[in-house]
């Protein structure tokens, strides 16, 4: 079976759609700049590996202090939302969100902000990588183990929550 290849026009409208699909939408002027690159170069620019940069000012609390990841969970996940908005690699943040939704955990069930931040970093590290490697690492992730009662799991009394959730 052959994979369909898009051969239509690639202008501002298509660039905007690509930015919505691969991230969280275009910043001012971004769709025009992407359209000028052409489709192949635009896709390469959104998928190329490399360090992430956060563009623009960091969010601040009511006293003017920059929010750090450890502070942000008390501010409705502002730290992560800020990353989604300011990242130079929106596809990585979008896929981090996809994997967080698909392999769902929460601070309420885990009880440790540090473990949730660690899991967020794990999902980001594997956002565009091997699904098998992601599953291997998330299976050993302390937040996931707490979330799905993996700490109660023994070979004499297996807890099947994780396996059941994964199969669903």
C-alpha atoms as a PDB file:
ATOM      1  CA  UNK A   1       0.000   0.000   0.000  1.00  0.00           C
ATOM      2  CA  UNK A   2       1.329   3.419  -0.960  1.00  0.00           C
ATOM      3  CA  UNK A   3       1.236   6.341   1.421  1.00  0.00           C
ATOM      4  CA  UNK A   4      -0.664   9.335   0.092  1.00  0.00           C
ATOM      5  CA  UNK A   5       1.530  12.381  -0.458  1.00  0.00           C
ATOM      6  CA  UNK A   6       0.088  15.887  -0.371  1.00  0.00           C
ATOM      7  CA  UNK A   7       0.701  17.670  -3.670  1.00  0.00           C
ATOM      8  CA  UNK A   8      -1.585  20.674  -3.292  1.00  0.00           C
ATOM      9  CA  UNK A   9      -0.684  24.283  -2.607  1.00  0.00           C
ATOM     10  CA  UNK A  10       1.233  25.311   0.500  1.00  0.00           C
ATOM     11  CA  UNK A  11       0.471  28.888   1.407  1.00  0.00           C
ATOM     12  CA  UNK A  12      -0.464  30.785   4.537  1.00  0.00           C
ATOM     13  CA  UNK A  13      -3.705  28.837   5.084  1.00  0.00           C
ATOM     14  CA  UNK A  14      -1.971  25.440   4.869  1.00  0.00           C
ATOM     15  CA  UNK A  15       0.883  26.687   7.075  1.00  0.00           C
ATOM     16  CA  UNK A  16      -1.639  27.784   9.722  1.00  0.00           C
ATOM     17  CA  UNK A  17      -3.292  24.378   9.614  1.00  0.00           C
ATOM     18  CA  UNK A  18       0.089  22.669   9.960  1.00  0.00           C
ATOM     19  CA  UNK A  19       0.922  24.842  12.982  1.00  0.00           C
ATOM     20  CA  UNK A  20      -2.395  23.924  14.598  1.00  0.00           C
ATOM     21  CA  UNK A  21      -1.851  20.211  13.908  1.00  0.00           C
ATOM     22  CA  UNK A  22       1.800  20.124  14.993  1.00  0.00           C
ATOM     23  CA  UNK A  23       1.469  22.505  17.916  1.00  0.00           C
ATOM     24  CA  UNK A  24      -0.951  24.973  19.413  1.00  0.00           C
ATOM     25  CA  UNK A  25      -1.404  27.373  16.515  1.00  0.00           C
ATOM     26  CA  UNK A  26       0.647  30.101  14.874  1.00  0.00           C
ATOM     27  CA  UNK A  27       2.270  33.082  16.537  1.00  0.00           C
ATOM     28  CA  UNK A  28       1.984  36.417  14.710  1.00  0.00           C
ATOM     29  CA  UNK A  29       3.843  36.156  11.399  1.00  0.00           C
ATOM     30  CA  UNK A  30       4.753  32.496  11.896  1.00  0.00           C
ATOM     31  CA  UNK A  31       2.383  31.077   9.265  1.00  0.00           C
ATOM     32  CA  UNK A  32       3.688  33.486   6.620  1.00  0.00           C
ATOM     33  CA  UNK A  33       7.301  32.604   7.433  1.00  0.00           C
ATOM     34  CA  UNK A  34       6.520  28.880   7.299  1.00  0.00           C
ATOM     35  CA  UNK A  35       4.654  29.232   3.991  1.00  0.00           C
ATOM     36  CA  UNK A  36       7.718  30.895   2.438  1.00  0.00           C
ATOM     37  CA  UNK A  37       9.799  27.824   3.328  1.00  0.00           C
ATOM     38  CA  UNK A  38       7.605  25.482   1.301  1.00  0.00           C
ATOM     39  CA  UNK A  39       5.990  22.298   2.564  1.00  0.00           C
ATOM     40  CA  UNK A  40       9.046  20.041   2.868  1.00  0.00           C
ATOM     41  CA  UNK A  41      11.186  22.629   4.648  1.00  0.00           C
ATOM     42  CA  UNK A  42       8.247  23.634   6.869  1.00  0.00           C
ATOM     43  CA  UNK A  43       7.736  20.046   8.030  1.00  0.00           C
ATOM     44  CA  UNK A  44      11.482  19.609   8.574  1.00  0.00           C
ATOM     45  CA  UNK A  45      11.594  22.811  10.637  1.00  0.00           C
ATOM     46  CA  UNK A  46       8.830  21.516  12.927  1.00  0.00           C
ATOM     47  CA  UNK A  47      10.243  18.002  13.326  1.00  0.00           C
ATOM     48  CA  UNK A  48      14.002  18.525  13.456  1.00  0.00           C
ATOM     49  CA  UNK A  49      15.760  17.506  16.649  1.00  0.00           C
ATOM     50  CA  UNK A  50      17.576  20.076  18.694  1.00  0.00           C
ATOM     51  CA  UNK A  51      17.444  22.062  21.882  1.00  0.00           C
ATOM     52  CA  UNK A  52      14.237  23.752  22.854  1.00  0.00           C
ATOM     53  CA  UNK A  53      14.119  27.493  23.410  1.00  0.00           C
ATOM     54  CA  UNK A  54      11.398  29.370  25.220  1.00  0.00           C
ATOM     55  CA  UNK A  55      10.554  32.595  23.398  1.00  0.00           C
ATOM     56  CA  UNK A  56       9.272  35.659  25.230  1.00  0.00           C
ATOM     57  CA  UNK A  57       8.957  36.637  28.877  1.00  0.00           C
ATOM     58  CA  UNK A  58       8.513  33.999  31.586  1.00  0.00           C
ATOM     59  CA  UNK A  59       5.271  34.039  33.600  1.00  0.00           C
ATOM     60  CA  UNK A  60       5.401  35.758  36.970  1.00  0.00           C
ATOM     61  CA  UNK A  61       3.396  35.473  40.160  1.00  0.00           C
ATOM     62  CA  UNK A  62       1.509  38.367  41.785  1.00  0.00           C
ATOM     63  CA  UNK A  63       4.756  39.582  43.411  1.00  0.00           C
ATOM     64  CA  UNK A  64       6.627  39.663  40.100  1.00  0.00           C
ATOM     65  CA  UNK A  65       8.707  36.533  40.708  1.00  0.00           C
ATOM     66  CA  UNK A  66       9.283  34.159  37.797  1.00  0.00           C
ATOM     67  CA  UNK A  67       7.419  30.883  38.244  1.00  0.00           C
ATOM     68  CA  UNK A  68       9.593  27.801  38.445  1.00  0.00           C
ATOM     69  CA  UNK A  69       8.225  24.319  37.662  1.00  0.00           C
ATOM     70  CA  UNK A  70       7.968  23.442  41.354  1.00  0.00           C
ATOM     71  CA  UNK A  71       5.859  26.566  42.006  1.00  0.00           C
ATOM     72  CA  UNK A  72       3.628  26.327  38.986  1.00  0.00           C
ATOM     73  CA  UNK A  73       1.463  23.354  39.937  1.00  0.00           C
ATOM     74  CA  UNK A  74      -0.192  25.568  42.503  1.00  0.00           C
ATOM     75  CA  UNK A  75      -0.979  27.969  39.670  1.00  0.00           C
ATOM     76  CA  UNK A  76      -3.150  25.668  37.532  1.00  0.00           C
ATOM     77  CA  UNK A  77      -0.217  24.161  35.671  1.00  0.00           C
ATOM     78  CA  UNK A  78       0.830  27.585  34.413  1.00  0.00           C
ATOM     79  CA  UNK A  79       4.421  26.408  34.020  1.00  0.00           C
ATOM     80  CA  UNK A  80       3.485  23.732  31.462  1.00  0.00           C
ATOM     81  CA  UNK A  81       0.975  25.941  29.668  1.00  0.00           C
ATOM     82  CA  UNK A  82       3.708  28.548  29.403  1.00  0.00           C
ATOM     83  CA  UNK A  83       6.016  25.986  27.778  1.00  0.00           C
ATOM     84  CA  UNK A  84       3.284  25.109  25.274  1.00  0.00           C
ATOM     85  CA  UNK A  85       2.894  28.750  24.290  1.00  0.00           C
ATOM     86  CA  UNK A  86       6.553  29.826  24.245  1.00  0.00           C
ATOM     87  CA  UNK A  87       8.373  26.730  22.963  1.00  0.00           C
ATOM     88  CA  UNK A  88      10.438  26.729  19.803  1.00  0.00           C
ATOM     89  CA  UNK A  89       9.449  23.054  19.370  1.00  0.00           C
ATOM     90  CA  UNK A  90       5.626  22.977  19.590  1.00  0.00           C
ATOM     91  CA  UNK A  91       5.337  19.417  18.248  1.00  0.00           C
ATOM     92  CA  UNK A  92       7.322  18.131  21.233  1.00  0.00           C
ATOM     93  CA  UNK A  93       4.991  19.892  23.697  1.00  0.00           C
ATOM     94  CA  UNK A  94       1.910  18.760  21.778  1.00  0.00           C
ATOM     95  CA  UNK A  95       3.080  15.141  21.859  1.00  0.00           C
ATOM     96  CA  UNK A  96       3.999  15.488  25.548  1.00  0.00           C
ATOM     97  CA  UNK A  97       0.378  16.511  26.114  1.00  0.00           C
ATOM     98  CA  UNK A  98      -0.886  13.617  23.954  1.00  0.00           C
ATOM     99  CA  UNK A  99       1.149  11.074  25.953  1.00  0.00           C
ATOM    100  CA  UNK A 100       0.100  12.691  29.252  1.00  0.00           C
ATOM    101  CA  UNK A 101      -3.529  12.300  28.188  1.00  0.00           C
ATOM    102  CA  UNK A 102      -3.039   8.759  26.918  1.00  0.00           C
ATOM    103  CA  UNK A 103      -0.953   7.605  29.907  1.00  0.00           C
ATOM    104  CA  UNK A 104      -2.981   9.674  32.359  1.00  0.00           C
ATOM    105  CA  UNK A 105      -1.924  10.383  35.925  1.00  0.00           C
ATOM    106  CA  UNK A 106      -2.654  13.295  38.235  1.00  0.00           C
ATOM    107  CA  UNK A 107      -1.182  15.022  41.252  1.00  0.00           C
ATOM    108  CA  UNK A 108      -4.246  13.999  43.288  1.00  0.00           C
ATOM    109  CA  UNK A 109      -3.555  10.307  42.739  1.00  0.00           C
ATOM    110  CA  UNK A 110       0.239  10.445  42.856  1.00  0.00           C
ATOM    111  CA  UNK A 111       0.630  12.876  45.739  1.00  0.00           C
ATOM    112  CA  UNK A 112       4.068  14.157  44.732  1.00  0.00           C
ATOM    113  CA  UNK A 113       4.670  17.257  42.680  1.00  0.00           C
ATOM    114  CA  UNK A 114       8.275  16.208  42.108  1.00  0.00           C
ATOM    115  CA  UNK A 115       7.233  12.850  40.653  1.00  0.00           C
ATOM    116  CA  UNK A 116       4.718  14.547  38.363  1.00  0.00           C
ATOM    117  CA  UNK A 117       7.400  16.931  37.077  1.00  0.00           C
ATOM    118  CA  UNK A 118       9.751  13.993  36.567  1.00  0.00           C
ATOM    119  CA  UNK A 119       7.058  12.164  34.580  1.00  0.00           C
ATOM    120  CA  UNK A 120       6.402  15.269  32.486  1.00  0.00           C
ATOM    121  CA  UNK A 121      10.109  15.384  31.614  1.00  0.00           C
ATOM    122  CA  UNK A 122      10.023  11.665  30.717  1.00  0.00           C
ATOM    123  CA  UNK A 123       7.071  12.204  28.364  1.00  0.00           C
ATOM    124  CA  UNK A 124       8.838  15.184  26.763  1.00  0.00           C
ATOM    125  CA  UNK A 125      12.070  13.199  26.329  1.00  0.00           C
ATOM    126  CA  UNK A 126      10.164  10.452  24.472  1.00  0.00           C
ATOM    127  CA  UNK A 127       7.605  12.717  22.752  1.00  0.00           C
ATOM    128  CA  UNK A 128       8.861  12.016  19.224  1.00  0.00           C
ATOM    129  CA  UNK A 129      10.770   8.824  19.914  1.00  0.00           C
ATOM    130  CA  UNK A 130      10.123   5.109  20.034  1.00  0.00           C
ATOM    131  CA  UNK A 131       6.732   4.128  21.446  1.00  0.00           C
ATOM    132  CA  UNK A 132       8.237   0.916  22.831  1.00  0.00           C
ATOM    133  CA  UNK A 133      10.917   2.838  24.702  1.00  0.00           C
ATOM    134  CA  UNK A 134       8.305   5.247  26.059  1.00  0.00           C
ATOM    135  CA  UNK A 135       6.205   2.334  27.336  1.00  0.00           C
ATOM    136  CA  UNK A 136       9.224   0.657  28.915  1.00  0.00           C
ATOM    137  CA  UNK A 137      10.207   3.829  30.744  1.00  0.00           C
ATOM    138  CA  UNK A 138       6.679   4.842  31.792  1.00  0.00           C
ATOM    139  CA  UNK A 139       6.152   1.323  33.168  1.00  0.00           C
ATOM    140  CA  UNK A 140       9.036   1.980  35.579  1.00  0.00           C
ATOM    141  CA  UNK A 141       8.054   5.578  36.304  1.00  0.00           C
ATOM    142  CA  UNK A 142       7.376   6.168  40.024  1.00  0.00           C
ATOM    143  CA  UNK A 143       4.344   8.396  39.342  1.00  0.00           C
ATOM    144  CA  UNK A 144       2.747   5.713  37.144  1.00  0.00           C
ATOM    145  CA  UNK A 145       3.533   3.016  39.708  1.00  0.00           C
ATOM    146  CA  UNK A 146       1.782   5.043  42.421  1.00  0.00           C
ATOM    147  CA  UNK A 147      -1.122   6.034  40.152  1.00  0.00           C
ATOM    148  CA  UNK A 148      -2.016   2.465  39.176  1.00  0.00           C
ATOM    149  CA  UNK A 149      -1.164   0.774  42.478  1.00  0.00           C
ATOM    150  CA  UNK A 150       1.999  -0.773  41.065  1.00  0.00           C
ATOM    151  CA  UNK A 151       3.581  -0.489  44.495  1.00  0.00           C
ATOM    152  CA  UNK A 152       1.143  -3.218  45.645  1.00  0.00           C
ATOM    153  CA  UNK A 153       2.237  -5.521  42.832  1.00  0.00           C
ATOM    154  CA  UNK A 154       4.075  -8.732  43.738  1.00  0.00           C
ATOM    155  CA  UNK A 155       4.631 -11.937  41.842  1.00  0.00           C
ATOM    156  CA  UNK A 156       2.409 -13.744  44.374  1.00  0.00           C
ATOM    157  CA  UNK A 157      -0.351 -11.164  44.140  1.00  0.00           C
ATOM    158  CA  UNK A 158      -0.194  -9.317  40.822  1.00  0.00           C
ATOM    159  CA  UNK A 159      -2.039  -6.040  40.496  1.00  0.00           C
ATOM    160  CA  UNK A 160      -3.417  -5.850  36.966  1.00  0.00           C
ATOM    161  CA  UNK A 161      -4.413  -2.160  36.889  1.00  0.00           C
ATOM    162  CA  UNK A 162      -1.527  -1.056  34.666  1.00  0.00           C
ATOM    163  CA  UNK A 163      -1.897  -3.919  32.194  1.00  0.00           C
ATOM    164  CA  UNK A 164      -5.657  -3.385  31.984  1.00  0.00           C
ATOM    165  CA  UNK A 165      -5.285   0.382  31.457  1.00  0.00           C
ATOM    166  CA  UNK A 166      -2.623  -0.126  28.816  1.00  0.00           C
ATOM    167  CA  UNK A 167      -4.762  -2.628  26.900  1.00  0.00           C
ATOM    168  CA  UNK A 168      -7.782  -0.313  26.976  1.00  0.00           C
END
